[in-house]
Amino acid sequence: AGAEKGDSIRDKRLARVPQNAPIQVDSVKIDGVNGDVEEWIRKKIKLSDHSSIHTSDIGRAISMLQGLDIFSSVEYKLSDTTPADLTFVLKEKDYKSINVGVRFDTEEIASILLNTSNEKKLGSNHHYAITGRLSKNPYIKVGYSYGNYFNPKFGLSYQLGYSDYKLYSHNAKVDVLNYLSQSITAFFGKAFSNFRFRFGARYDYFHFEGPLYDV
């Protein structure tokens, strides 16, 4: 959709420019972002004021911005002046959401998964995610991270769950495992171009006591 919108906004002057002909640009503007985000975008598109560019350079920048998957639309405008003003018009995706999932199986019969988050939001350093499952094996998970798409991100999450598992020998039930589990995770993440890396550590604690096992 972004490519179609970008194509539709090209003015007639650009359509008359041969593919390999240079375009003298007076200024490169970016609408829709500001501050550190704007500076980061400028470094990504590698187009500068008072320079000579080609239509292929604009196409490359559009493709790169769309490939980041952080904008709902990527468009551009080229003024009918010499030298021209090139403007990229960006609209950030809204990642605030409430999600609901339902699962049916023969073990738990039915379970409902609820989630709310503002993950991947570009203009904010504060991100949260809360997930809960309603079932025979319920859990709740709360996560918080600080950082954004173009800077390092640090995160911490905690999960508390209850498990009710049945043990079988062939078709005969031999025991039931009922226990609480807790999990704490810390991570560090960084994006490089279109690749994102995450490193972290997790500590899991399971509390179970029964005739088959020690605590």
Protein backbone atom coordinates (compact mmCIF):
# COMPACT_ATOMS: atom_id res chain seq x y z
CA ALA A 1 0.00 0.00 0.00
CA GLY A 2 2.88 2.33 0.80
CA ALA A 3 4.39 1.89 -2.63
CA GLU A 4 1.11 2.65 -4.35
CA LYS A 5 0.63 5.79 -2.29
CA GLY A 6 4.21 6.81 -2.97
CA ASP A 7 3.74 6.36 -6.71
CA SER A 8 0.50 8.36 -6.71
CA ILE A 9 2.05 11.35 -5.05
CA ARG A 10 4.88 11.84 -7.55
CA ASP A 11 4.34 15.06 -9.44
CA LYS A 12 4.31 15.33 -13.22
CA ARG A 13 7.76 16.88 -13.28
CA LEU A 14 9.38 13.68 -11.98
CA ALA A 15 7.55 11.59 -14.57
CA ARG A 16 9.29 13.62 -17.29
CA VAL A 17 12.76 13.03 -15.84
CA PRO A 18 14.71 10.26 -17.63
CA GLN A 19 15.74 7.39 -15.35
CA ASN A 20 19.47 8.22 -15.40
CA ALA A 21 19.17 12.01 -15.54
CA PRO A 22 20.40 13.83 -12.41
CA ILE A 23 18.02 15.95 -10.33
CA GLN A 24 19.43 19.00 -8.58
CA VAL A 25 18.04 19.05 -5.03
CA ASP A 26 18.06 22.14 -2.84
CA SER A 27 16.73 20.53 0.35
CA VAL A 28 15.64 17.11 1.63
CA LYS A 29 12.79 17.35 4.14
CA ILE A 30 11.20 14.66 6.28
CA ASP A 31 7.63 15.10 7.51
CA GLY A 32 6.10 12.90 10.18
CA VAL A 33 9.11 12.52 12.50
CA ASN A 34 11.41 14.89 14.32
CA GLY A 35 14.33 15.10 16.73
CA ASP A 36 16.59 12.06 17.00
CA VAL A 37 14.25 10.02 14.82
CA GLU A 38 14.56 12.49 11.95
CA GLU A 39 18.35 12.49 12.18
CA TRP A 40 18.36 8.70 12.17
CA ILE A 41 16.13 8.59 9.08
CA ARG A 42 18.40 11.08 7.28
CA LYS A 43 21.38 8.80 7.87
CA LYS A 44 19.40 5.82 6.59
CA ILE A 45 18.26 7.37 3.29
CA LYS A 46 21.74 8.87 2.56
CA LEU A 47 20.33 11.85 0.64
CA SER A 48 21.62 15.32 1.49
CA ASP A 49 20.73 18.95 0.79
CA HIS A 50 22.32 20.78 -2.15
CA SER A 51 23.18 17.62 -4.05
CA SER A 52 22.54 15.84 -7.33
CA ILE A 53 20.46 12.64 -7.15
CA HIS A 54 18.72 10.23 -9.52
CA THR A 55 15.24 8.72 -9.52
CA SER A 56 16.82 5.41 -8.54
CA ASP A 57 18.14 7.06 -5.36
CA ILE A 58 14.60 8.07 -4.40
CA GLY A 59 13.30 4.57 -5.16
CA ARG A 60 16.04 3.04 -3.03
CA ALA A 61 15.19 5.34 -0.10
CA ILE A 62 11.47 4.54 -0.39
CA SER A 63 12.13 0.79 -0.44
CA MET A 64 14.44 1.02 2.56
CA LEU A 65 11.93 3.04 4.62
CA GLN A 66 9.12 0.62 3.77
CA GLY A 67 11.34 -2.32 4.67
CA LEU A 68 11.81 -1.02 8.22
CA ASP A 69 8.15 -1.96 8.89
CA ILE A 70 7.69 0.95 11.30
CA PHE A 71 5.66 3.23 9.01
CA SER A 72 2.11 2.64 7.82
CA SER A 73 2.77 4.78 4.71
CA VAL A 74 5.86 6.14 2.97
CA GLU A 75 5.37 8.85 0.35
CA TYR A 76 7.41 11.61 -1.27
CA LYS A 77 6.91 14.91 -3.08
CA LEU A 78 9.23 16.71 -5.46
CA SER A 79 8.65 20.42 -6.04
CA ASP A 80 8.46 21.90 -9.54
CA THR A 81 11.41 24.22 -8.96
CA THR A 82 15.08 24.21 -9.92
CA PRO A 83 16.77 23.13 -7.76
CA ALA A 84 13.93 21.05 -6.32
CA ASP A 85 12.78 20.40 -2.77
CA LEU A 86 12.40 16.70 -2.00
CA THR A 87 10.03 15.83 0.86
CA PHE A 88 9.46 12.39 2.36
CA VAL A 89 6.08 12.07 4.10
CA LEU A 90 6.07 9.34 6.76
CA LYS A 91 3.25 8.05 8.94
CA GLU A 92 4.27 5.99 11.94
CA LYS A 93 2.44 2.76 12.74
CA ASP A 94 0.35 2.77 15.90
CA TYR A 95 1.39 -0.30 17.86
CA LYS A 96 -0.93 0.19 20.82
CA SER A 97 -3.18 -2.83 20.68
CA ILE A 98 -5.36 -5.28 22.56
CA ASN A 99 -5.16 -8.85 21.28
CA VAL A 100 -7.33 -11.87 22.03
CA GLY A 101 -6.62 -15.49 21.16
CA VAL A 102 -8.63 -18.67 21.72
CA ARG A 103 -7.33 -22.24 21.68
CA PHE A 104 -9.13 -25.60 21.89
CA ASP A 105 -7.45 -28.95 22.58
CA THR A 106 -8.13 -32.25 24.34
CA GLU A 107 -5.84 -31.50 27.30
CA GLU A 108 -7.01 -28.08 28.47
CA ILE A 109 -10.32 -28.10 26.56
CA ALA A 110 -10.20 -24.33 26.01
CA SER A 111 -7.93 -21.40 26.82
CA ILE A 112 -8.10 -17.65 26.21
CA LEU A 113 -5.03 -15.47 25.67
CA LEU A 114 -5.24 -11.73 26.34
CA ASN A 115 -2.51 -9.21 25.52
CA THR A 116 -2.04 -5.45 25.45
CA SER A 117 1.14 -3.63 24.46
CA ASN A 118 2.72 -0.64 22.75
CA GLU A 119 5.67 -2.59 21.39
CA LYS A 120 7.82 -1.21 18.54
CA LYS A 121 6.55 2.34 19.01
CA LEU A 122 9.14 4.58 17.34
CA GLY A 123 8.53 7.89 19.08
CA SER A 124 8.71 6.61 22.67
CA ASN A 125 11.42 5.02 24.80
CA HIS A 126 8.96 3.31 27.12
CA HIS A 127 7.40 0.03 26.03
CA TYR A 128 5.16 -2.35 27.90
CA ALA A 129 3.45 -5.66 27.29
CA ILE A 130 1.01 -7.54 29.52
CA THR A 131 -0.12 -11.04 28.61
CA GLY A 132 -2.44 -13.37 30.49
CA ARG A 133 -3.83 -16.83 29.78
CA LEU A 134 -7.09 -18.13 31.25
CA SER A 135 -7.08 -21.93 31.26
CA LYS A 136 -6.29 -24.96 33.40
CA ASN A 137 -2.68 -23.78 33.16
CA PRO A 138 -3.02 -20.02 33.58
CA TYR A 139 -0.20 -17.49 33.66
CA ILE A 140 0.43 -13.76 33.62
CA LYS A 141 3.48 -12.09 32.10
CA VAL A 142 4.48 -8.43 32.51
CA GLY A 143 7.28 -6.88 30.50
CA TYR A 144 8.91 -3.46 30.30
CA SER A 145 11.70 -2.20 28.07
CA TYR A 146 13.48 1.11 27.60
CA GLY A 147 14.89 2.22 24.26
CA ASN A 148 13.66 2.50 20.69
CA TYR A 149 14.16 1.13 17.22
CA PHE A 150 17.38 3.00 16.45
CA ASN A 151 19.01 2.93 19.91
CA PRO A 152 19.89 0.04 22.24
CA LYS A 153 16.96 -1.40 24.16
CA PHE A 154 17.03 -2.86 27.67
CA GLY A 155 14.19 -4.98 28.96
CA LEU A 156 12.93 -6.92 31.95
CA SER A 157 9.97 -9.31 32.23
CA TYR A 158 8.37 -11.47 34.91
CA GLN A 159 6.02 -14.42 34.48
CA LEU A 160 4.00 -16.30 37.10
CA GLY A 161 2.11 -19.42 36.15
CA TYR A 162 0.27 -22.43 37.51
CA SER A 163 0.59 -25.82 35.84
CA ASP A 164 -1.66 -28.87 36.08
CA TYR A 165 -0.17 -31.71 34.02
CA LYS A 166 -1.28 -35.32 33.98
CA LEU A 167 1.24 -38.15 33.64
CA TYR A 168 0.19 -41.27 31.73
CA SER A 169 1.60 -44.74 31.31
CA HIS A 170 0.06 -45.89 28.06
CA ASN A 171 -3.64 -45.04 28.66
CA ALA A 172 -3.54 -45.09 32.45
CA LYS A 173 -3.08 -41.90 34.48
CA VAL A 174 -0.35 -42.40 37.08
CA ASP A 175 0.06 -38.94 38.61
CA VAL A 176 -0.81 -35.26 38.36
CA LEU A 177 1.81 -32.53 38.54
CA ASN A 178 0.51 -29.34 40.15
CA TYR A 179 3.06 -26.59 40.65
CA LEU A 180 3.77 -22.88 40.48
CA SER A 181 6.48 -21.54 38.22
CA GLN A 182 8.19 -18.17 38.03
CA SER A 183 10.44 -16.74 35.35
CA ILE A 184 12.54 -13.56 35.27
CA THR A 185 14.14 -12.43 32.01
CA ALA A 186 16.54 -9.57 31.27
CA PHE A 187 17.75 -8.68 27.79
CA PHE A 188 19.70 -6.21 25.68
CA GLY A 189 18.72 -5.58 22.05
CA LYS A 190 20.07 -3.56 19.14
CA ALA A 191 19.03 -3.09 15.52
CA PHE A 192 21.56 -3.05 12.70
CA SER A 193 20.05 -2.10 9.34
CA ASN A 194 17.13 -4.54 8.90
CA PHE A 195 18.54 -7.03 11.41
CA ARG A 196 17.69 -7.01 15.10
CA PHE A 197 19.76 -8.84 17.71
CA ARG A 198 18.81 -9.68 21.28
CA PHE A 199 20.93 -11.12 24.06
CA GLY A 200 19.61 -12.01 27.48
CA ALA A 201 19.41 -14.27 30.48
CA ARG A 202 16.48 -16.03 32.11
CA TYR A 203 16.01 -17.57 35.52
CA ASP A 204 13.25 -20.17 35.94
CA TYR A 205 11.97 -21.45 39.28
CA PHE A 206 9.58 -24.40 39.61
CA HIS A 207 8.08 -25.29 42.98
CA PHE A 208 6.75 -28.86 43.03
CA GLU A 209 6.41 -31.39 45.82
CA GLY A 210 4.89 -34.84 45.40
CA PRO A 211 5.38 -38.58 45.94
CA LEU A 212 7.37 -38.97 42.71
CA TYR A 213 9.88 -36.15 43.19
CA ASP A 214 11.58 -34.07 45.85
CA VAL A 215 10.93 -30.34 46.09
